[in-house]
Amino acid sequence: MTTNQATVPDADRFRPGDVWNNSRGVPHRVMRIERGVAHMVNENTGRTYNRPWDDLGWKSGRPWMRVSCGATK
């Protein structure tokens, strides 16, 4: 299966439908973005998690890594 790189957005912020691993490798699915906050669900436990939509952890040295991206418009 090939992916058209032109349709895959940059991994510069959280987007609805994306799956991201936190710095410990735990996957979180982004459910929605509201008022600058990404609302996510921990894929392992089902617990919710909120984080600024553009805080990928680079400044703290604990980066999040995108596993898959959601639907693109």
Protein backbone atom coordinates (compact mmCIF):
# COMPACT_ATOMS: atom_id res chain seq x y z
CA MET A 1 0.00 0.00 0.00
CA THR A 2 1.41 3.39 -0.95
CA THR A 3 0.56 6.77 0.52
CA ASN A 4 0.34 9.92 -1.51
CA GLN A 5 2.64 12.23 0.47
CA ALA A 6 0.83 15.29 -0.92
CA THR A 7 -2.29 14.38 1.08
CA VAL A 8 -0.50 13.68 4.38
CA PRO A 9 -0.31 16.87 6.47
CA ASP A 10 2.82 17.88 8.35
CA ALA A 11 3.09 16.51 11.88
CA ASP A 12 3.20 20.02 13.33
CA ARG A 13 0.01 19.92 15.44
CA PHE A 14 -2.74 17.62 16.61
CA ARG A 15 -5.61 17.06 14.17
CA PRO A 16 -8.90 15.17 14.65
CA GLY A 17 -8.51 11.50 13.75
CA ASP A 18 -4.74 11.45 14.28
CA VAL A 19 -3.12 8.83 16.50
CA TRP A 20 -0.06 10.00 18.42
CA ASN A 21 2.31 8.20 20.77
CA ASN A 22 3.23 10.20 23.85
CA SER A 23 6.82 10.30 25.10
CA ARG A 24 6.30 6.92 26.78
CA GLY A 25 4.97 5.29 23.62
CA VAL A 26 1.29 5.17 24.67
CA PRO A 27 -1.07 5.81 21.73
CA HIS A 28 -3.70 8.55 21.97
CA ARG A 29 -6.41 9.27 19.38
CA VAL A 30 -7.37 12.91 18.81
CA MET A 31 -11.16 13.14 18.97
CA ARG A 32 -11.65 16.87 18.44
CA ILE A 33 -10.06 20.30 18.72
CA GLU A 34 -11.97 22.97 20.64
CA ARG A 35 -10.72 26.44 21.57
CA GLY A 36 -7.09 25.52 21.04
CA VAL A 37 -7.29 22.29 23.05
CA ALA A 38 -6.89 18.79 21.60
CA HIS A 39 -9.23 16.31 23.28
CA MET A 40 -7.73 12.82 23.09
CA VAL A 41 -8.45 9.29 24.28
CA ASN A 42 -5.77 6.91 25.52
CA GLU A 43 -6.08 3.89 23.19
CA ASN A 44 -5.07 1.45 25.95
CA THR A 45 -7.15 2.64 28.90
CA GLY A 46 -9.92 4.74 27.33
CA ARG A 47 -9.12 7.66 29.62
CA THR A 48 -9.41 11.17 28.19
CA TYR A 49 -6.52 13.60 27.93
CA ASN A 50 -6.42 17.28 27.00
CA ARG A 51 -3.40 19.10 25.59
CA PRO A 52 -2.86 22.36 23.68
CA TRP A 53 -3.44 21.69 19.97
CA ASP A 54 0.11 22.67 19.03
CA ASP A 55 2.10 21.35 22.03
CA LEU A 56 3.97 18.36 20.66
CA GLY A 57 6.49 18.32 23.49
CA TRP A 58 9.53 19.52 21.53
CA LYS A 59 10.32 22.35 23.95
CA SER A 60 10.23 20.06 26.97
CA GLY A 61 12.35 17.37 25.32
CA ARG A 62 9.52 14.83 25.59
CA PRO A 63 8.14 14.80 22.03
CA TRP A 64 4.98 13.12 20.82
CA MET A 65 5.26 11.13 17.60
CA ARG A 66 2.41 10.73 15.12
CA VAL A 67 1.58 7.12 14.32
CA SER A 68 -1.16 7.79 11.77
CA CYS A 69 -3.04 10.79 10.47
CA GLY A 70 -6.79 11.25 10.30
CA ALA A 71 -8.85 12.13 7.30
CA THR A 72 -7.58 15.10 5.32
CA LYS A 73 -9.84 17.69 3.79
